[in-house]
Protein backbone atom coordinates (compact mmCIF):
# COMPACT_ATOMS: atom_id res chain seq x y z
CA MET A 1 -17.66 33.26 -5.75
CA THR A 2 -14.41 33.33 -3.81
CA GLU A 3 -12.95 30.32 -2.03
CA SER A 4 -13.71 31.84 1.39
CA THR A 5 -17.32 32.46 0.37
CA GLN A 6 -17.67 28.91 -0.92
CA ASN A 7 -16.36 27.47 2.34
CA SER A 8 -18.44 29.68 4.64
CA PRO A 9 -21.27 27.63 6.13
CA ARG A 10 -24.83 28.71 5.47
CA ARG A 11 -25.86 26.95 8.69
CA ILE A 12 -24.11 25.94 11.91
CA LEU A 13 -25.25 22.96 13.97
CA ASP A 14 -23.82 22.91 17.51
CA LEU A 15 -23.94 19.36 18.91
CA VAL A 16 -21.47 19.82 21.75
CA GLY A 17 -22.51 17.77 24.76
CA LEU A 18 -24.54 15.25 22.74
CA TYR A 19 -23.44 11.65 22.37
CA CYS A 20 -24.07 8.80 19.97
CA PRO A 21 -26.42 8.51 18.22
CA GLU A 22 -27.69 12.12 18.55
CA PRO A 23 -24.96 13.87 16.46
CA VAL A 24 -25.65 11.61 13.46
CA PHE A 25 -29.45 11.87 13.78
CA ARG A 26 -29.40 15.65 14.08
CA THR A 27 -26.88 16.07 11.25
CA ARG A 28 -29.11 13.95 8.99
CA LYS A 29 -32.20 15.92 9.98
CA GLU A 30 -30.45 19.24 9.25
CA LEU A 31 -29.13 18.01 5.88
CA ASP A 32 -32.62 16.80 4.92
CA SER A 33 -33.98 20.33 5.47
CA MET A 34 -31.28 21.99 3.33
CA ALA A 35 -31.19 22.79 -0.38
CA VAL A 36 -28.62 21.18 -2.67
CA GLY A 37 -25.46 23.31 -2.72
CA GLU A 38 -25.87 24.72 0.80
CA THR A 39 -23.11 24.24 3.34
CA LEU A 40 -23.34 23.21 6.97
CA GLU A 41 -20.81 23.38 9.77
CA VAL A 42 -21.33 20.72 12.42
CA ILE A 43 -19.56 21.05 15.76
CA ALA A 44 -19.44 17.98 18.02
CA ASP A 45 -17.34 16.76 20.92
CA ASP A 46 -18.31 13.07 20.97
CA PRO A 47 -15.19 11.22 19.71
CA ALA A 48 -17.41 8.68 17.91
CA SER A 49 -18.96 11.43 15.81
CA GLU A 50 -15.78 11.84 13.75
CA GLU A 51 -16.22 8.47 12.05
CA ASP A 52 -20.02 8.32 12.38
CA ILE A 53 -20.69 11.60 10.57
CA GLN A 54 -18.15 10.80 7.84
CA SER A 55 -19.87 7.46 7.34
CA LEU A 56 -23.25 9.20 7.10
CA LEU A 57 -21.93 11.57 4.45
CA ARG A 58 -20.52 8.70 2.38
CA ARG A 59 -23.84 6.86 2.61
CA LEU A 60 -25.87 9.92 1.60
CA GLY A 61 -23.41 11.13 -1.04
CA HIS A 62 -22.67 14.56 0.45
CA GLN A 63 -19.24 16.18 0.38
CA LEU A 64 -17.03 16.73 3.41
CA LEU A 65 -15.21 19.94 2.48
CA ARG A 66 -13.11 20.14 5.63
CA LEU A 67 -12.64 18.47 9.00
CA TRP A 68 -10.65 20.07 11.81
CA LYS A 69 -10.33 19.92 15.57
CA THR A 70 -10.25 22.72 18.11
CA GLY A 71 -9.51 21.33 21.55
CA ARG A 72 -12.14 18.64 22.16
CA GLU A 73 -14.43 19.94 19.42
CA ILE A 74 -14.59 18.31 15.99
CA HIS A 75 -15.73 20.58 13.15
CA PHE A 76 -17.18 19.30 9.89
CA LEU A 77 -17.80 21.58 6.91
CA ILE A 78 -20.32 19.76 4.72
CA LYS A 79 -21.77 20.57 1.31
CA LYS A 80 -25.11 19.05 0.43
CA THR A 81 -24.56 17.65 -3.04
CA LYS A 82 -27.82 15.85 -3.76
CA GLN A 83 -31.41 15.72 -2.58
CA THR A 84 -32.02 13.12 0.13
């Protein structure tokens, strides 16, 4: 598997326009429905989601592969690393 294939999300969760606590709740719900090893791209524009989603991932033990910003949007590329 190439690096670009590994970092391509299997799912995309668009949370633009939603504010705390919705981005965290919906990210958790999506992760719960995924298989171990799958990747998810989350897109949010709530400034609080940057720290909130990272905190969620630390608590659940999933891997943040990449975080980047495009304008007001915050993108998270997440790999589910264990069953929750």
